[in-house]
Amino acid sequence: MYVPNLIVTQRFPMMNRNRLLMEHFQGAFPLMLSKSRRFAADAQRHDQNPPSPAWAKAK
């Protein structure tokens, strides 16, 4: 857990120094990147463990 956190904390400031990314995203690119990775992980988890239908929960 410590190594991924170190990588993230070191890379985010470097991405904000990129002139092209700052012009287009105004500093929000690292956050958008992390959110997209989270959504991809959630989608993968949802595919592996699909939720039961609502009618099955009511019983």
PDB file of N, CA and C in Angstrom:
ATOM      1  N   MET A   1       0.826  -1.195   0.000  1.00  0.00           N
ATOM      2  CA  MET A   1       0.000   0.000   0.000  1.00  0.00           C
ATOM      3  C   MET A   1       0.868   1.257   0.000  1.00  0.00           C
ATOM      4  N   TYR A   2       2.000   1.198   0.666  1.00  0.00           N
ATOM      5  CA  TYR A   2       2.845   2.384   0.744  1.00  0.00           C
ATOM      6  C   TYR A   2       3.486   2.730  -0.599  1.00  0.00           C
ATOM      7  N   VAL A   3       3.879   1.712  -1.350  1.00  0.00           N
ATOM      8  CA  VAL A   3       4.529   1.965  -2.645  1.00  0.00           C
ATOM      9  C   VAL A   3       3.563   2.608  -3.639  1.00  0.00           C
ATOM     10  N   PRO A   4       2.334   2.090  -3.807  1.00  0.00           N
ATOM     11  CA  PRO A   4       1.405   2.791  -4.716  1.00  0.00           C
ATOM     12  C   PRO A   4       1.110   4.224  -4.280  1.00  0.00           C
ATOM     13  N   ASN A   5       0.982   4.449  -2.977  1.00  0.00           N
ATOM     14  CA  ASN A   5       0.742   5.817  -2.504  1.00  0.00           C
ATOM     15  C   ASN A   5       1.915   6.728  -2.827  1.00  0.00           C
ATOM     16  N   LEU A   6       3.131   6.215  -2.689  1.00  0.00           N
ATOM     17  CA  LEU A   6       4.316   7.001  -3.031  1.00  0.00           C
ATOM     18  C   LEU A   6       4.329   7.336  -4.522  1.00  0.00           C
ATOM     19  N   ILE A   7       4.001   6.364  -5.343  1.00  0.00           N
ATOM     20  CA  ILE A   7       3.980   6.599  -6.797  1.00  0.00           C
ATOM     21  C   ILE A   7       2.949   7.665  -7.153  1.00  0.00           C
ATOM     22  N   VAL A   8       1.777   7.575  -6.561  1.00  0.00           N
ATOM     23  CA  VAL A   8       0.718   8.549  -6.858  1.00  0.00           C
ATOM     24  C   VAL A   8       1.137   9.944  -6.410  1.00  0.00           C
ATOM     25  N   THR A   9       1.665  10.059  -5.203  1.00  0.00           N
ATOM     26  CA  THR A   9       2.025  11.389  -4.704  1.00  0.00           C
ATOM     27  C   THR A   9       3.182  12.001  -5.472  1.00  0.00           C
ATOM     28  N   GLN A  10       4.015  11.190  -6.081  1.00  0.00           N
ATOM     29  CA  GLN A  10       5.125  11.723  -6.863  1.00  0.00           C
ATOM     30  C   GLN A  10       4.708  12.074  -8.290  1.00  0.00           C
ATOM     31  N   ARG A  11       3.751  11.368  -8.841  1.00  0.00           N
ATOM     32  CA  ARG A  11       3.366  11.588 -10.238  1.00  0.00           C
ATOM     33  C   ARG A  11       2.373  12.732 -10.414  1.00  0.00           C
ATOM     34  N   PHE A  12       1.478  12.945  -9.464  1.00  0.00           N
ATOM     35  CA  PHE A  12       0.475  13.990  -9.633  1.00  0.00           C
ATOM     36  C   PHE A  12       1.096  15.373  -9.803  1.00  0.00           C
ATOM     37  N   PRO A  13       2.057  15.785  -8.975  1.00  0.00           N
ATOM     38  CA  PRO A  13       2.651  17.110  -9.210  1.00  0.00           C
ATOM     39  C   PRO A  13       3.386  17.199 -10.548  1.00  0.00           C
ATOM     40  N   MET A  14       3.977  16.100 -10.995  1.00  0.00           N
ATOM     41  CA  MET A  14       4.668  16.120 -12.288  1.00  0.00           C
ATOM     42  C   MET A  14       3.679  16.322 -13.428  1.00  0.00           C
ATOM     43  N   MET A  15       2.485  15.730 -13.313  1.00  0.00           N
ATOM     44  CA  MET A  15       1.480  15.922 -14.361  1.00  0.00           C
ATOM     45  C   MET A  15       0.976  17.361 -14.370  1.00  0.00           C
ATOM     46  N   ASN A  16       0.905  17.984 -13.209  1.00  0.00           N
ATOM     47  CA  ASN A  16       0.435  19.367 -13.155  1.00  0.00           C
ATOM     48  C   ASN A  16       1.471  20.346 -13.673  1.00  0.00           C
ATOM     49  N   ARG A  17       2.704  19.935 -13.836  1.00  0.00           N
ATOM     50  CA  ARG A  17       3.729  20.818 -14.417  1.00  0.00           C
ATOM     51  C   ARG A  17       3.707  20.801 -15.939  1.00  0.00           C
ATOM     52  N   ASN A  18       2.996  19.855 -16.519  1.00  0.00           N
ATOM     53  CA  ASN A  18       2.916  19.753 -17.968  1.00  0.00           C
ATOM     54  C   ASN A  18       2.043  20.894 -18.494  1.00  0.00           C
ATOM     55  N   ARG A  19       2.607  21.701 -19.356  1.00  0.00           N
ATOM     56  CA  ARG A  19       1.908  22.883 -19.872  1.00  0.00           C
ATOM     57  C   ARG A  19       0.657  22.516 -20.662  1.00  0.00           C
ATOM     58  N   LEU A  20       0.743  21.483 -21.486  1.00  0.00           N
ATOM     59  CA  LEU A  20      -0.403  21.070 -22.300  1.00  0.00           C
ATOM     60  C   LEU A  20      -1.566  20.599 -21.424  1.00  0.00           C
ATOM     61  N   LEU A  21      -1.259  19.792 -20.414  1.00  0.00           N
ATOM     62  CA  LEU A  21      -2.322  19.323 -19.527  1.00  0.00           C
ATOM     63  C   LEU A  21      -2.927  20.459 -18.718  1.00  0.00           C
ATOM     64  N   MET A  22      -2.115  21.410 -18.305  1.00  0.00           N
ATOM     65  CA  MET A  22      -2.636  22.545 -17.545  1.00  0.00           C
ATOM     66  C   MET A  22      -3.538  23.425 -18.405  1.00  0.00           C
ATOM     67  N   GLU A  23      -3.182  23.612 -19.678  1.00  0.00           N
ATOM     68  CA  GLU A  23      -4.005  24.434 -20.567  1.00  0.00           C
ATOM     69  C   GLU A  23      -5.376  23.800 -20.807  1.00  0.00           C
ATOM     70  N   HIS A  24      -5.410  22.485 -20.972  1.00  0.00           N
ATOM     71  CA  HIS A  24      -6.663  21.814 -21.316  1.00  0.00           C
ATOM     72  C   HIS A  24      -7.505  21.423 -20.115  1.00  0.00           C
ATOM     73  N   PHE A  25      -6.867  21.058 -19.009  1.00  0.00           N
ATOM     74  CA  PHE A  25      -7.618  20.520 -17.875  1.00  0.00           C
ATOM     75  C   PHE A  25      -7.536  21.397 -16.627  1.00  0.00           C
ATOM     76  N   GLN A  26      -6.781  22.466 -16.645  1.00  0.00           N
ATOM     77  CA  GLN A  26      -6.633  23.398 -15.522  1.00  0.00           C
ATOM     78  C   GLN A  26      -6.285  22.688 -14.202  1.00  0.00           C
ATOM     79  N   GLY A  27      -5.406  21.697 -14.286  1.00  0.00           N
ATOM     80  CA  GLY A  27      -4.932  21.011 -13.096  1.00  0.00           C
ATOM     81  C   GLY A  27      -5.775  19.841 -12.645  1.00  0.00           C
ATOM     82  N   ALA A  28      -6.846  19.529 -13.349  1.00  0.00           N
ATOM     83  CA  ALA A  28      -7.736  18.451 -12.928  1.00  0.00           C
ATOM     84  C   ALA A  28      -7.394  17.101 -13.558  1.00  0.00           C
ATOM     85  N   PHE A  29      -6.394  17.050 -14.415  1.00  0.00           N
ATOM     86  CA  PHE A  29      -6.084  15.797 -15.110  1.00  0.00           C
ATOM     87  C   PHE A  29      -5.735  14.654 -14.161  1.00  0.00           C
ATOM     88  N   PRO A  30      -4.887  14.856 -13.141  1.00  0.00           N
ATOM     89  CA  PRO A  30      -4.590  13.728 -12.248  1.00  0.00           C
ATOM     90  C   PRO A  30      -5.827  13.189 -11.537  1.00  0.00           C
ATOM     91  N   LEU A  31      -6.745  14.059 -11.171  1.00  0.00           N
ATOM     92  CA  LEU A  31      -7.969  13.601 -10.515  1.00  0.00           C
ATOM     93  C   LEU A  31      -8.861  12.839 -11.492  1.00  0.00           C
ATOM     94  N   MET A  32      -8.939  13.318 -12.722  1.00  0.00           N
ATOM     95  CA  MET A  32      -9.730  12.620 -13.730  1.00  0.00           C
ATOM     96  C   MET A  32      -9.132  11.247 -14.015  1.00  0.00           C
ATOM     97  N   LEU A  33      -7.821  11.166 -14.031  1.00  0.00           N
ATOM     98  CA  LEU A  33      -7.141   9.901 -14.270  1.00  0.00           C
ATOM     99  C   LEU A  33      -7.433   8.910 -13.150  1.00  0.00           C
ATOM    100  N   SER A  34      -7.363   9.371 -11.920  1.00  0.00           N
ATOM    101  CA  SER A  34      -7.613   8.464 -10.801  1.00  0.00           C
ATOM    102  C   SER A  34      -9.080   8.034 -10.762  1.00  0.00           C
ATOM    103  N   LYS A  35      -9.999   8.937 -11.089  1.00  0.00           N
ATOM    104  CA  LYS A  35     -11.420   8.571 -11.122  1.00  0.00           C
ATOM    105  C   LYS A  35     -11.705   7.557 -12.227  1.00  0.00           C
ATOM    106  N   SER A  36     -11.075   7.724 -13.382  1.00  0.00           N
ATOM    107  CA  SER A  36     -11.313   6.779 -14.468  1.00  0.00           C
ATOM    108  C   SER A  36     -10.790   5.395 -14.096  1.00  0.00           C
ATOM    109  N   ARG A  37      -9.662   5.328 -13.389  1.00  0.00           N
ATOM    110  CA  ARG A  37      -9.140   4.039 -12.935  1.00  0.00           C
ATOM    111  C   ARG A  37     -10.087   3.419 -11.912  1.00  0.00           C
ATOM    112  N   ARG A  38     -10.681   4.236 -11.059  1.00  0.00           N
ATOM    113  CA  ARG A  38     -11.616   3.717 -10.057  1.00  0.00           C
ATOM    114  C   ARG A  38     -12.876   3.175 -10.730  1.00  0.00           C
ATOM    115  N   PHE A  39     -13.402   3.907 -11.709  1.00  0.00           N
ATOM    116  CA  PHE A  39     -14.590   3.442 -12.419  1.00  0.00           C
ATOM    117  C   PHE A  39     -14.309   2.138 -13.165  1.00  0.00           C
ATOM    118  N   ALA A  40     -13.109   2.017 -13.740  1.00  0.00           N
ATOM    119  CA  ALA A  40     -12.748   0.784 -14.433  1.00  0.00           C
ATOM    120  C   ALA A  40     -12.668  -0.381 -13.452  1.00  0.00           C
ATOM    121  N   ALA A  41     -12.107  -0.140 -12.272  1.00  0.00           N
ATOM    122  CA  ALA A  41     -12.022  -1.192 -11.262  1.00  0.00           C
ATOM    123  C   ALA A  41     -13.412  -1.579 -10.771  1.00  0.00           C
ATOM    124  N   ASP A  42     -14.296  -0.603 -10.586  1.00  0.00           N
ATOM    125  CA  ASP A  42     -15.665  -0.895 -10.155  1.00  0.00           C
ATOM    126  C   ASP A  42     -16.409  -1.696 -11.223  1.00  0.00           C
ATOM    127  N   ALA A  43     -16.204  -1.352 -12.483  1.00  0.00           N
ATOM    128  CA  ALA A  43     -16.866  -2.081 -13.564  1.00  0.00           C
ATOM    129  C   ALA A  43     -16.359  -3.514 -13.624  1.00  0.00           C
ATOM    130  N   GLN A  44     -15.077  -3.700 -13.431  1.00  0.00           N
ATOM    131  CA  GLN A  44     -14.519  -5.040 -13.446  1.00  0.00           C
ATOM    132  C   GLN A  44     -15.066  -5.859 -12.268  1.00  0.00           C
ATOM    133  N   ARG A  45     -15.147  -5.242 -11.097  1.00  0.00           N
ATOM    134  CA  ARG A  45     -15.677  -5.935  -9.928  1.00  0.00           C
ATOM    135  C   ARG A  45     -17.152  -6.280 -10.142  1.00  0.00           C
ATOM    136  N   HIS A  46     -17.893  -5.374 -10.766  1.00  0.00           N
ATOM    137  CA  HIS A  46     -19.316  -5.604 -11.038  1.00  0.00           C
ATOM    138  C   HIS A  46     -19.488  -6.776 -12.014  1.00  0.00           C
ATOM    139  N   ASP A  47     -18.588  -6.896 -12.997  1.00  0.00           N
ATOM    140  CA  ASP A  47     -18.671  -8.008 -13.943  1.00  0.00           C
ATOM    141  C   ASP A  47     -18.383  -9.336 -13.253  1.00  0.00           C
ATOM    142  N   GLN A  48     -17.488  -9.327 -12.291  1.00  0.00           N
ATOM    143  CA  GLN A  48     -17.127 -10.563 -11.604  1.00  0.00           C
ATOM    144  C   GLN A  48     -18.187 -10.975 -10.586  1.00  0.00           C
ATOM    145  N   ASN A  49     -18.822 -10.017  -9.939  1.00  0.00           N
ATOM    146  CA  ASN A  49     -19.838 -10.284  -8.923  1.00  0.00           C
ATOM    147  C   ASN A  49     -21.093  -9.481  -9.226  1.00  0.00           C
ATOM    148  N   PRO A  50     -21.889  -9.921 -10.182  1.00  0.00           N
ATOM    149  CA  PRO A  50     -23.091  -9.132 -10.513  1.00  0.00           C
ATOM    150  C   PRO A  50     -24.075  -9.122  -9.348  1.00  0.00           C
ATOM    151  N   PRO A  51     -24.761  -8.012  -9.149  1.00  0.00           N
ATOM    152  CA  PRO A  51     -25.734  -7.935  -8.055  1.00  0.00           C
ATOM    153  C   PRO A  51     -26.952  -8.792  -8.369  1.00  0.00           C
ATOM    154  N   SER A  52     -27.603  -9.253  -7.333  1.00  0.00           N
ATOM    155  CA  SER A  52     -28.823 -10.032  -7.551  1.00  0.00           C
ATOM    156  C   SER A  52     -29.958  -9.070  -7.907  1.00  0.00           C
ATOM    157  N   PRO A  53     -30.962  -9.554  -8.617  1.00  0.00           N
ATOM    158  CA  PRO A  53     -32.073  -8.667  -8.986  1.00  0.00           C
ATOM    159  C   PRO A  53     -32.850  -8.219  -7.762  1.00  0.00           C
ATOM    160  N   ALA A  54     -33.577  -7.133  -7.897  1.00  0.00           N
ATOM    161  CA  ALA A  54     -34.311  -6.561  -6.776  1.00  0.00           C
ATOM    162  C   ALA A  54     -35.369  -7.510  -6.237  1.00  0.00           C
ATOM    163  N   TRP A  55     -35.994  -8.278  -7.111  1.00  0.00           N
ATOM    164  CA  TRP A  55     -37.047  -9.180  -6.652  1.00  0.00           C
ATOM    165  C   TRP A  55     -36.468 -10.308  -5.802  1.00  0.00           C
ATOM    166  N   ALA A  56     -35.205 -10.679  -6.025  1.00  0.00           N
ATOM    167  CA  ALA A  56     -34.584 -11.740  -5.225  1.00  0.00           C
ATOM    168  C   ALA A  56     -34.260 -11.246  -3.815  1.00  0.00           C
ATOM    169  N   LYS A  57     -33.993  -9.954  -3.671  1.00  0.00           N
ATOM    170  CA  LYS A  57     -33.686  -9.397  -2.375  1.00  0.00           C
ATOM    171  C   LYS A  57     -34.946  -9.261  -1.504  1.00  0.00           C
ATOM    172  N   ALA A  58     -36.113  -9.115  -2.141  1.00  0.00           N
ATOM    173  CA  ALA A  58     -37.348  -8.883  -1.404  1.00  0.00           C
ATOM    174  C   ALA A  58     -37.832 -10.133  -0.678  1.00  0.00           C
ATOM    175  N   LYS A  59     -37.393 -11.283  -1.096  1.00  0.00           N
ATOM    176  CA  LYS A  59     -37.884 -12.543  -0.467  1.00  0.00           C
ATOM    177  C   LYS A  59     -37.267 -12.787   0.878  1.00  0.00           C
TER     178      LYS A  59
END
